[in-house]
Amino acid sequence: MLKLLLEAGPLLVFFLTNAWFGLITGTAAFVVVTVASLIASKLLMGRIPVMPLVGGVFVILFGGLTVLLDDEIFIKIKPTIVNLLFAGILAAGLVSGRHFLKLVFDGAFHLTERGWTLLTVRWTGFFVVLAIINEVVWRSFSSDTWVSFKVFGILPLTLAFSFAQIPLLLRYKVEDAPEERGT
């Protein structure tokens, strides 16, 4: 529950502050609460998980640019850039024969090489799709609609995609994996 609060709390503050005071002020609050959340993670859990740390760095960078330059575009393109960066890192791992998802999942799954490859390809594609959706939403709708999508759309999409991967995880578990024959 603490982990969820530390990771989702800044987004909730962003949403509420945007609704009450606008996107620039909401972004400033998002940056401040993100920094506080990262510090709290370190103090309460003894470490800062990789994904919130990477996300936090981008919130601070793009949120800071948004506030300093009084320009909403920076916070709006942040999800596009972050998702394309994740897709690029995963794709580079595939090309170099490394499965970076093994590091992210930290031993939670034990898959065959084929399983890791398929999972990586799927997540790479998902991150590209999220980047495209973000571009469509921020360019086509109001800032309030974009904020609502960012807060209440991306998480459900990510959860649905994650649950959709369960059959792959079960199929390619090391102890139950089919023979490696390109399926």
N, C-alpha and C. Protein backbone atom coordinates (compact mmCIF):
# COMPACT_ATOMS: atom_id res chain seq x y z
N MET A 1 0.83 -1.20 0.00
CA MET A 1 0.00 0.00 0.00
C MET A 1 0.87 1.26 0.00
N LEU A 2 1.96 1.21 0.78
CA LEU A 2 2.88 2.34 0.82
C LEU A 2 3.51 2.59 -0.54
N LYS A 3 3.91 1.51 -1.20
CA LYS A 3 4.51 1.64 -2.54
C LYS A 3 3.53 2.27 -3.51
N LEU A 4 2.28 1.83 -3.48
CA LEU A 4 1.25 2.39 -4.35
C LEU A 4 1.05 3.89 -4.07
N LEU A 5 1.00 4.25 -2.81
CA LEU A 5 0.83 5.66 -2.43
C LEU A 5 2.02 6.50 -2.92
N LEU A 6 3.21 5.98 -2.74
CA LEU A 6 4.41 6.71 -3.17
C LEU A 6 4.48 6.87 -4.69
N GLU A 7 3.98 5.89 -5.42
CA GLU A 7 4.04 5.96 -6.88
C GLU A 7 2.85 6.67 -7.49
N ALA A 8 1.65 6.48 -6.93
CA ALA A 8 0.44 7.08 -7.50
C ALA A 8 0.12 8.45 -6.89
N GLY A 9 0.62 8.70 -5.69
CA GLY A 9 0.34 9.97 -5.02
C GLY A 9 0.68 11.20 -5.85
N PRO A 10 1.88 11.26 -6.42
CA PRO A 10 2.22 12.43 -7.24
C PRO A 10 1.27 12.64 -8.42
N LEU A 11 0.82 11.56 -9.05
CA LEU A 11 -0.13 11.70 -10.15
C LEU A 11 -1.47 12.25 -9.68
N LEU A 12 -1.92 11.79 -8.53
CA LEU A 12 -3.18 12.29 -7.98
C LEU A 12 -3.07 13.77 -7.64
N VAL A 13 -1.95 14.17 -7.05
CA VAL A 13 -1.72 15.59 -6.75
C VAL A 13 -1.69 16.39 -8.05
N PHE A 14 -1.05 15.87 -9.08
CA PHE A 14 -1.01 16.51 -10.39
C PHE A 14 -2.42 16.73 -10.92
N PHE A 15 -3.23 15.68 -10.87
CA PHE A 15 -4.60 15.77 -11.38
C PHE A 15 -5.41 16.81 -10.61
N LEU A 16 -5.38 16.75 -9.30
CA LEU A 16 -6.18 17.67 -8.48
C LEU A 16 -5.70 19.11 -8.60
N THR A 17 -4.40 19.31 -8.56
CA THR A 17 -3.87 20.67 -8.66
C THR A 17 -4.15 21.25 -10.04
N ASN A 18 -4.06 20.44 -11.08
CA ASN A 18 -4.41 20.90 -12.42
C ASN A 18 -5.88 21.32 -12.47
N ALA A 19 -6.76 20.51 -11.88
CA ALA A 19 -8.19 20.80 -11.90
C ALA A 19 -8.50 22.12 -11.18
N TRP A 20 -7.79 22.40 -10.11
CA TRP A 20 -8.07 23.60 -9.32
C TRP A 20 -7.33 24.85 -9.81
N PHE A 21 -6.09 24.67 -10.29
CA PHE A 21 -5.24 25.83 -10.57
C PHE A 21 -4.64 25.88 -11.97
N GLY A 22 -4.83 24.85 -12.77
CA GLY A 22 -4.29 24.85 -14.12
C GLY A 22 -3.04 23.98 -14.26
N LEU A 23 -2.65 23.79 -15.52
CA LEU A 23 -1.59 22.83 -15.83
C LEU A 23 -0.21 23.25 -15.34
N ILE A 24 0.14 24.51 -15.42
CA ILE A 24 1.48 24.94 -14.99
C ILE A 24 1.61 24.75 -13.48
N THR A 25 0.63 25.18 -12.72
CA THR A 25 0.67 25.00 -11.27
C THR A 25 0.59 23.52 -10.92
N GLY A 26 -0.24 22.77 -11.64
CA GLY A 26 -0.32 21.33 -11.42
C GLY A 26 1.01 20.65 -11.67
N THR A 27 1.71 21.11 -12.70
CA THR A 27 3.03 20.54 -13.01
C THR A 27 4.03 20.87 -11.91
N ALA A 28 4.00 22.11 -11.41
CA ALA A 28 4.91 22.49 -10.31
C ALA A 28 4.66 21.60 -9.09
N ALA A 29 3.39 21.37 -8.77
CA ALA A 29 3.06 20.50 -7.64
C ALA A 29 3.52 19.07 -7.92
N PHE A 30 3.36 18.62 -9.15
CA PHE A 30 3.78 17.28 -9.56
C PHE A 30 5.28 17.10 -9.32
N VAL A 31 6.07 18.08 -9.70
CA VAL A 31 7.52 18.02 -9.51
C VAL A 31 7.85 17.93 -8.03
N VAL A 32 7.27 18.81 -7.23
CA VAL A 32 7.57 18.86 -5.79
C VAL A 32 7.18 17.55 -5.11
N VAL A 33 5.98 17.06 -5.41
CA VAL A 33 5.51 15.82 -4.77
C VAL A 33 6.30 14.61 -5.27
N THR A 34 6.73 14.64 -6.52
CA THR A 34 7.56 13.55 -7.04
C THR A 34 8.89 13.49 -6.30
N VAL A 35 9.52 14.63 -6.11
CA VAL A 35 10.78 14.67 -5.34
C VAL A 35 10.54 14.16 -3.92
N ALA A 36 9.47 14.61 -3.29
CA ALA A 36 9.14 14.16 -1.93
C ALA A 36 8.90 12.65 -1.90
N SER A 37 8.24 12.14 -2.93
CA SER A 37 7.96 10.71 -3.00
C SER A 37 9.24 9.89 -3.15
N LEU A 38 10.17 10.37 -3.97
CA LEU A 38 11.45 9.66 -4.14
C LEU A 38 12.24 9.66 -2.84
N ILE A 39 12.25 10.79 -2.15
CA ILE A 39 12.94 10.87 -0.85
C ILE A 39 12.28 9.94 0.16
N ALA A 40 10.94 9.94 0.19
CA ALA A 40 10.21 9.08 1.12
C ALA A 40 10.48 7.60 0.80
N SER A 41 10.55 7.26 -0.48
CA SER A 41 10.87 5.87 -0.86
C SER A 41 12.21 5.45 -0.29
N LYS A 42 13.18 6.32 -0.43
CA LYS A 42 14.53 6.01 0.07
C LYS A 42 14.51 5.85 1.59
N LEU A 43 13.83 6.77 2.27
CA LEU A 43 13.81 6.73 3.74
C LEU A 43 12.98 5.57 4.29
N LEU A 44 11.83 5.29 3.69
CA LEU A 44 10.92 4.29 4.23
C LEU A 44 11.19 2.88 3.73
N MET A 45 11.67 2.76 2.50
CA MET A 45 11.88 1.44 1.92
C MET A 45 13.35 1.09 1.77
N GLY A 46 14.21 2.05 2.03
CA GLY A 46 15.64 1.80 1.95
C GLY A 46 16.22 1.90 0.55
N ARG A 47 15.37 2.08 -0.45
CA ARG A 47 15.83 2.21 -1.83
C ARG A 47 14.75 2.89 -2.66
N ILE A 48 15.17 3.34 -3.82
CA ILE A 48 14.22 3.92 -4.77
C ILE A 48 14.13 2.95 -5.94
N PRO A 49 12.93 2.38 -6.17
CA PRO A 49 12.79 1.44 -7.30
C PRO A 49 13.16 2.12 -8.63
N VAL A 50 13.66 1.32 -9.56
CA VAL A 50 14.18 1.83 -10.83
C VAL A 50 13.14 2.61 -11.62
N MET A 51 11.96 2.06 -11.83
CA MET A 51 10.96 2.72 -12.67
C MET A 51 10.51 4.06 -12.08
N PRO A 52 10.18 4.15 -10.79
CA PRO A 52 9.84 5.46 -10.24
C PRO A 52 11.01 6.45 -10.30
N LEU A 53 12.22 5.96 -10.17
CA LEU A 53 13.38 6.85 -10.26
C LEU A 53 13.51 7.42 -11.67
N VAL A 54 13.42 6.57 -12.67
CA VAL A 54 13.51 7.04 -14.05
C VAL A 54 12.36 8.00 -14.36
N GLY A 55 11.16 7.60 -13.98
CA GLY A 55 10.00 8.48 -14.18
C GLY A 55 10.17 9.80 -13.46
N GLY A 56 10.70 9.74 -12.23
CA GLY A 56 10.91 10.95 -11.44
C GLY A 56 11.91 11.91 -12.08
N VAL A 57 12.96 11.36 -12.63
CA VAL A 57 13.96 12.20 -13.30
C VAL A 57 13.30 12.94 -14.46
N PHE A 58 12.47 12.25 -15.22
CA PHE A 58 11.80 12.88 -16.36
C PHE A 58 10.74 13.89 -15.91
N VAL A 59 10.05 13.60 -14.82
CA VAL A 59 9.08 14.56 -14.28
C VAL A 59 9.81 15.84 -13.87
N ILE A 60 10.93 15.67 -13.19
CA ILE A 60 11.70 16.84 -12.74
C ILE A 60 12.23 17.62 -13.95
N LEU A 61 12.78 16.92 -14.93
CA LEU A 61 13.33 17.59 -16.11
C LEU A 61 12.24 18.29 -16.93
N PHE A 62 11.25 17.54 -17.38
CA PHE A 62 10.22 18.12 -18.25
C PHE A 62 9.24 19.00 -17.47
N GLY A 63 8.95 18.62 -16.24
CA GLY A 63 8.11 19.48 -15.40
C GLY A 63 8.80 20.79 -15.09
N GLY A 64 10.10 20.70 -14.81
CA GLY A 64 10.87 21.92 -14.56
C GLY A 64 10.89 22.84 -15.77
N LEU A 65 11.07 22.29 -16.95
CA LEU A 65 11.03 23.09 -18.18
C LEU A 65 9.64 23.71 -18.38
N THR A 66 8.60 22.94 -18.09
CA THR A 66 7.24 23.45 -18.22
C THR A 66 7.03 24.67 -17.34
N VAL A 67 7.44 24.56 -16.09
CA VAL A 67 7.24 25.65 -15.13
C VAL A 67 8.16 26.83 -15.45
N LEU A 68 9.44 26.56 -15.67
CA LEU A 68 10.40 27.64 -15.92
C LEU A 68 10.10 28.43 -17.20
N LEU A 69 9.67 27.73 -18.25
CA LEU A 69 9.41 28.39 -19.52
C LEU A 69 7.93 28.72 -19.72
N ASP A 70 7.10 28.36 -18.73
CA ASP A 70 5.67 28.61 -18.78
C ASP A 70 5.08 28.07 -20.10
N ASP A 71 5.45 26.82 -20.42
CA ASP A 71 5.04 26.20 -21.67
C ASP A 71 4.60 24.76 -21.41
N GLU A 72 3.32 24.48 -21.64
CA GLU A 72 2.74 23.17 -21.35
C GLU A 72 3.30 22.03 -22.20
N ILE A 73 3.88 22.34 -23.32
CA ILE A 73 4.30 21.28 -24.25
C ILE A 73 5.29 20.31 -23.61
N PHE A 74 6.15 20.79 -22.73
CA PHE A 74 7.18 19.92 -22.17
C PHE A 74 6.58 18.80 -21.33
N ILE A 75 5.62 19.10 -20.48
CA ILE A 75 5.02 18.05 -19.66
C ILE A 75 4.16 17.13 -20.53
N LYS A 76 3.60 17.67 -21.61
CA LYS A 76 2.75 16.86 -22.49
C LYS A 76 3.56 15.88 -23.33
N ILE A 77 4.78 16.25 -23.71
CA ILE A 77 5.59 15.34 -24.53
C ILE A 77 6.40 14.36 -23.68
N LYS A 78 6.45 14.60 -22.38
CA LYS A 78 7.21 13.71 -21.49
C LYS A 78 6.80 12.24 -21.64
N PRO A 79 5.50 11.91 -21.58
CA PRO A 79 5.15 10.48 -21.73
C PRO A 79 5.57 9.90 -23.08
N THR A 80 5.48 10.70 -24.13
CA THR A 80 5.91 10.23 -25.45
C THR A 80 7.39 9.88 -25.42
N ILE A 81 8.20 10.80 -24.91
CA ILE A 81 9.65 10.59 -24.88
C ILE A 81 10.02 9.42 -23.97
N VAL A 82 9.42 9.35 -22.80
CA VAL A 82 9.73 8.27 -21.86
C VAL A 82 9.35 6.91 -22.47
N ASN A 83 8.16 6.82 -23.06
CA ASN A 83 7.74 5.55 -23.65
C ASN A 83 8.62 5.15 -24.83
N LEU A 84 9.00 6.12 -25.66
CA LEU A 84 9.90 5.81 -26.77
C LEU A 84 11.29 5.43 -26.26
N LEU A 85 11.73 6.06 -25.19
CA LEU A 85 13.01 5.69 -24.58
C LEU A 85 12.98 4.25 -24.07
N PHE A 86 11.91 3.89 -23.35
CA PHE A 86 11.78 2.51 -22.87
C PHE A 86 11.75 1.53 -24.05
N ALA A 87 10.99 1.86 -25.08
CA ALA A 87 10.92 0.99 -26.27
C ALA A 87 12.30 0.86 -26.90
N GLY A 88 13.02 1.97 -26.99
CA GLY A 88 14.36 1.93 -27.59
C GLY A 88 15.34 1.11 -26.78
N ILE A 89 15.27 1.24 -25.46
CA ILE A 89 16.16 0.45 -24.60
C ILE A 89 15.86 -1.03 -24.74
N LEU A 90 14.58 -1.38 -24.73
CA LEU A 90 14.22 -2.80 -24.89
C LEU A 90 14.63 -3.32 -26.26
N ALA A 91 14.42 -2.52 -27.30
CA ALA A 91 14.82 -2.93 -28.66
C ALA A 91 16.33 -3.10 -28.75
N ALA A 92 17.08 -2.17 -28.15
CA ALA A 92 18.54 -2.29 -28.15
C ALA A 92 18.97 -3.56 -27.43
N GLY A 93 18.28 -3.89 -26.36
CA GLY A 93 18.57 -5.13 -25.65
C GLY A 93 18.34 -6.34 -26.53
N LEU A 94 17.24 -6.33 -27.28
CA LEU A 94 16.97 -7.44 -28.20
C LEU A 94 18.08 -7.59 -29.23
N VAL A 95 18.49 -6.46 -29.81
CA VAL A 95 19.52 -6.48 -30.85
C VAL A 95 20.85 -6.98 -30.28
N SER A 96 21.15 -6.61 -29.04
CA SER A 96 22.42 -6.99 -28.42
C SER A 96 22.35 -8.34 -27.70
N GLY A 97 21.18 -8.97 -27.74
CA GLY A 97 21.04 -10.28 -27.10
C GLY A 97 20.83 -10.23 -25.60
N ARG A 98 20.42 -9.07 -25.10
CA ARG A 98 20.17 -8.93 -23.66
C ARG A 98 18.68 -8.73 -23.42
N HIS A 99 18.20 -9.27 -22.34
CA HIS A 99 16.80 -9.10 -21.97
C HIS A 99 16.72 -8.21 -20.74
N PHE A 100 16.56 -6.92 -20.98
CA PHE A 100 16.54 -5.96 -19.88
C PHE A 100 15.32 -6.13 -18.97
N LEU A 101 14.27 -6.78 -19.47
CA LEU A 101 13.11 -7.02 -18.62
C LEU A 101 13.45 -7.94 -17.45
N LYS A 102 14.45 -8.79 -17.63
CA LYS A 102 14.89 -9.63 -16.51
C LYS A 102 15.31 -8.77 -15.33
N LEU A 103 16.00 -7.66 -15.62
CA LEU A 103 16.43 -6.75 -14.56
C LEU A 103 15.24 -6.05 -13.91
N VAL A 104 14.28 -5.63 -14.74
CA VAL A 104 13.11 -4.91 -14.23
C VAL A 104 12.28 -5.82 -13.33
N PHE A 105 12.09 -7.06 -13.76
CA PHE A 105 11.26 -7.97 -12.99
C PHE A 105 12.03 -8.67 -11.87
N ASP A 106 13.34 -8.43 -11.79
CA ASP A 106 14.16 -8.80 -10.64
C ASP A 106 13.90 -10.21 -10.13
N GLY A 107 13.90 -11.18 -11.02
CA GLY A 107 13.76 -12.57 -10.60
C GLY A 107 12.33 -13.01 -10.33
N ALA A 108 11.35 -12.15 -10.58
CA ALA A 108 9.95 -12.53 -10.33
C ALA A 108 9.48 -13.60 -11.31
N PHE A 109 10.05 -13.60 -12.52
CA PHE A 109 9.68 -14.58 -13.53
C PHE A 109 10.92 -15.32 -13.98
N HIS A 110 10.74 -16.60 -14.26
CA HIS A 110 11.82 -17.42 -14.79
C HIS A 110 11.33 -17.98 -16.11
N LEU A 111 11.75 -17.33 -17.19
CA LEU A 111 11.27 -17.68 -18.52
C LEU A 111 12.40 -18.24 -19.37
N THR A 112 12.00 -18.95 -20.41
CA THR A 112 12.98 -19.39 -21.40
C THR A 112 13.46 -18.16 -22.17
N GLU A 113 14.51 -18.33 -22.95
CA GLU A 113 14.99 -17.23 -23.79
C GLU A 113 13.90 -16.78 -24.75
N ARG A 114 13.19 -17.73 -25.31
CA ARG A 114 12.09 -17.39 -26.23
C ARG A 114 11.02 -16.58 -25.50
N GLY A 115 10.70 -16.97 -24.30
CA GLY A 115 9.72 -16.23 -23.50
C GLY A 115 10.14 -14.80 -23.25
N TRP A 116 11.42 -14.63 -22.85
CA TRP A 116 11.92 -13.26 -22.62
C TRP A 116 11.90 -12.45 -23.91
N THR A 117 12.24 -13.09 -25.01
CA THR A 117 12.24 -12.37 -26.29
C THR A 117 10.83 -11.93 -26.66
N LEU A 118 9.87 -12.83 -26.57
CA LEU A 118 8.49 -12.48 -26.90
C LEU A 118 7.95 -11.39 -25.97
N LEU A 119 8.22 -11.53 -24.69
CA LEU A 119 7.75 -10.53 -23.73
C LEU A 119 8.37 -9.17 -24.03
N THR A 120 9.64 -9.16 -24.37
CA THR A 120 10.32 -7.90 -24.70
C THR A 120 9.75 -7.28 -25.96
N VAL A 121 9.49 -8.08 -26.97
CA VAL A 121 8.90 -7.56 -28.21
C VAL A 121 7.52 -6.94 -27.91
N ARG A 122 6.74 -7.64 -27.11
CA ARG A 122 5.40 -7.12 -26.78
C ARG A 122 5.48 -5.81 -26.00
N TRP A 123 6.35 -5.75 -24.99
CA TRP A 123 6.46 -4.52 -24.21
C TRP A 123 7.02 -3.38 -25.06
N THR A 124 7.93 -3.70 -25.94
CA THR A 124 8.46 -2.67 -26.85
C THR A 124 7.33 -2.08 -27.68
N GLY A 125 6.52 -2.94 -28.26
CA GLY A 125 5.38 -2.48 -29.04
C GLY A 125 4.39 -1.69 -28.21
N PHE A 126 4.14 -2.15 -26.99
CA PHE A 126 3.20 -1.45 -26.11
C PHE A 126 3.69 -0.04 -25.80
N PHE A 127 4.97 0.11 -25.52
CA PHE A 127 5.50 1.45 -25.24
C PHE A 127 5.37 2.36 -26.46
N VAL A 128 5.58 1.82 -27.64
CA VAL A 128 5.41 2.63 -28.86
C VAL A 128 3.94 3.05 -29.00
N VAL A 129 3.02 2.12 -28.77
CA VAL A 129 1.60 2.44 -28.85
C VAL A 129 1.23 3.51 -27.83
N LEU A 130 1.72 3.40 -26.60
CA LEU A 130 1.44 4.44 -25.59
C LEU A 130 1.96 5.80 -26.04
N ALA A 131 3.13 5.82 -26.65
CA ALA A 131 3.68 7.09 -27.14
C ALA A 131 2.78 7.69 -28.21
N ILE A 132 2.31 6.87 -29.11
CA ILE A 132 1.42 7.35 -30.18
C ILE A 132 0.10 7.85 -29.60
N ILE A 133 -0.47 7.09 -28.68
CA ILE A 133 -1.73 7.52 -28.05
C ILE A 133 -1.53 8.85 -27.33
N ASN A 134 -0.43 9.00 -26.60
CA ASN A 134 -0.18 10.26 -25.92
C ASN A 134 -0.13 11.42 -26.90
N GLU A 135 0.55 11.22 -28.02
CA GLU A 135 0.65 12.28 -29.03
C GLU A 135 -0.73 12.65 -29.57
N VAL A 136 -1.55 11.65 -29.84
CA VAL A 136 -2.90 11.91 -30.36
C VAL A 136 -3.73 12.68 -29.32
N VAL A 137 -3.67 12.25 -28.07
CA VAL A 137 -4.51 12.87 -27.03
C VAL A 137 -4.07 14.31 -26.77
N TRP A 138 -2.77 14.56 -26.57
CA TRP A 138 -2.39 15.93 -26.23
C TRP A 138 -2.56 16.89 -27.39
N ARG A 139 -2.44 16.38 -28.61
CA ARG A 139 -2.59 17.25 -29.79
C ARG A 139 -4.05 17.46 -30.20
N SER A 140 -4.94 16.57 -29.77
CA SER A 140 -6.33 16.60 -30.25
C SER A 140 -7.35 17.05 -29.22
N PHE A 141 -6.96 17.06 -27.96
CA PHE A 141 -7.93 17.36 -26.90
C PHE A 141 -7.41 18.47 -25.98
N SER A 142 -8.28 18.91 -25.09
CA SER A 142 -7.90 19.95 -24.14
C SER A 142 -6.85 19.45 -23.17
N SER A 143 -6.20 20.39 -22.51
CA SER A 143 -5.20 20.02 -21.49
C SER A 143 -5.83 19.22 -20.37
N ASP A 144 -7.04 19.59 -19.96
CA ASP A 144 -7.71 18.84 -18.89
C ASP A 144 -8.00 17.40 -19.31
N THR A 145 -8.40 17.21 -20.55
CA THR A 145 -8.64 15.85 -21.06
C THR A 145 -7.33 15.07 -21.08
N TRP A 146 -6.25 15.72 -21.51
CA TRP A 146 -4.96 15.05 -21.54
C TRP A 146 -4.53 14.63 -20.13
N VAL A 147 -4.69 15.54 -19.15
CA VAL A 147 -4.32 15.20 -17.77
C VAL A 147 -5.15 14.03 -17.27
N SER A 148 -6.44 14.04 -17.54
CA SER A 148 -7.30 12.92 -17.12
C SER A 148 -6.84 11.61 -17.77
N PHE A 149 -6.51 11.68 -19.07
CA PHE A 149 -6.00 10.49 -19.74
C PHE A 149 -4.69 10.02 -19.10
N LYS A 150 -3.78 10.95 -18.83
CA LYS A 150 -2.49 10.60 -18.24
C LYS A 150 -2.68 9.91 -16.90
N VAL A 151 -3.58 10.45 -16.09
CA VAL A 151 -3.77 9.92 -14.73
C VAL A 151 -4.65 8.68 -14.73
N PHE A 152 -5.74 8.69 -15.49
CA PHE A 152 -6.73 7.61 -15.39
C PHE A 152 -6.79 6.70 -16.62
N GLY A 153 -6.02 6.98 -17.65
CA GLY A 153 -6.04 6.16 -18.85
C GLY A 153 -4.83 5.27 -18.99
N ILE A 154 -3.66 5.83 -18.74
CA ILE A 154 -2.43 5.07 -18.95
C ILE A 154 -2.32 3.89 -17.98
N LEU A 155 -2.64 4.11 -16.71
CA LEU A 155 -2.54 3.01 -15.74
C LEU A 155 -3.47 1.85 -16.09
N PRO A 156 -4.75 2.09 -16.37
CA PRO A 156 -5.60 0.95 -16.75
C PRO A 156 -5.13 0.25 -18.03
N LEU A 157 -4.66 1.01 -19.00
CA LEU A 157 -4.13 0.40 -20.22
C LEU A 157 -2.93 -0.49 -19.90
N THR A 158 -2.05 0.01 -19.04
CA THR A 158 -0.86 -0.75 -18.67
C THR A 158 -1.23 -2.00 -17.89
N LEU A 159 -2.18 -1.88 -16.97
CA LEU A 159 -2.62 -3.05 -16.21
C LEU A 159 -3.27 -4.09 -17.13
N ALA A 160 -4.13 -3.64 -18.04
CA ALA A 160 -4.78 -4.57 -18.97
C ALA A 160 -3.73 -5.27 -19.84
N PHE A 161 -2.76 -4.51 -20.33
CA PHE A 161 -1.70 -5.12 -21.13
C PHE A 161 -0.91 -6.12 -20.30
N SER A 162 -0.58 -5.75 -19.07
CA SER A 162 0.18 -6.65 -18.19
C SER A 162 -0.56 -7.96 -17.96
N PHE A 163 -1.86 -7.87 -17.65
CA PHE A 163 -2.65 -9.08 -17.44
C PHE A 163 -2.75 -9.91 -18.71
N ALA A 164 -2.77 -9.26 -19.85
CA ALA A 164 -2.82 -9.98 -21.12
C ALA A 164 -1.56 -10.79 -21.38
N GLN A 165 -0.48 -10.52 -20.64
CA GLN A 165 0.78 -11.24 -20.81
C GLN A 165 0.84 -12.51 -19.97
N ILE A 166 -0.13 -12.72 -19.11
CA ILE A 166 -0.10 -13.89 -18.22
C ILE A 166 -0.01 -15.20 -19.00
N PRO A 167 -0.79 -15.39 -20.06
CA PRO A 167 -0.63 -16.66 -20.81
C PRO A 167 0.80 -16.88 -21.32
N LEU A 168 1.45 -15.82 -21.79
CA LEU A 168 2.83 -15.95 -22.25
C LEU A 168 3.74 -16.34 -21.08
N LEU A 169 3.55 -15.69 -19.94
CA LEU A 169 4.37 -16.00 -18.77
C LEU A 169 4.19 -17.45 -18.34
N LEU A 170 2.96 -17.92 -18.39
CA LEU A 170 2.70 -19.31 -18.00
C LEU A 170 3.25 -20.29 -19.04
N ARG A 171 3.11 -19.94 -20.30
CA ARG A 171 3.56 -20.84 -21.36
C ARG A 171 5.08 -21.00 -21.37
N TYR A 172 5.81 -19.93 -21.08
CA TYR A 172 7.26 -19.96 -21.21
C TYR A 172 8.00 -19.99 -19.87
N LYS A 173 7.27 -20.39 -18.81
CA LYS A 173 7.97 -20.61 -17.55
C LYS A 173 9.02 -21.68 -17.76
N VAL A 174 10.14 -21.56 -17.10
CA VAL A 174 11.24 -22.50 -17.31
C VAL A 174 10.81 -23.93 -17.06
N GLU A 175 10.06 -24.19 -16.01
CA GLU A 175 9.70 -25.57 -15.71
C GLU A 175 8.61 -26.12 -16.62
N ASP A 176 7.81 -25.27 -17.29
CA ASP A 176 6.73 -25.75 -18.15
C ASP A 176 6.89 -25.34 -19.61
N ALA A 177 8.00 -24.76 -19.96
CA ALA A 177 8.16 -24.14 -21.29
C ALA A 177 8.13 -25.20 -22.40
N PRO A 178 7.47 -24.84 -23.52
CA PRO A 178 7.51 -25.75 -24.66
C PRO A 178 8.91 -25.77 -25.26
N GLU A 179 9.14 -26.75 -26.08
CA GLU A 179 10.45 -26.78 -26.76
C GLU A 179 10.64 -25.53 -27.56
N GLU A 180 11.87 -25.08 -27.64
CA GLU A 180 12.19 -23.87 -28.39
C GLU A 180 12.14 -24.20 -29.89
N ARG A 181 11.00 -23.89 -30.51
CA ARG A 181 10.89 -24.19 -31.92
C ARG A 181 10.21 -23.07 -32.69
N GLY A 182 10.30 -21.86 -32.17
CA GLY A 182 9.82 -20.71 -32.92
C GLY A 182 8.33 -20.45 -32.78
N THR A 183 7.66 -20.99 -31.77
CA THR A 183 6.23 -20.75 -31.60
C THR A 183 5.98 -19.53 -30.80
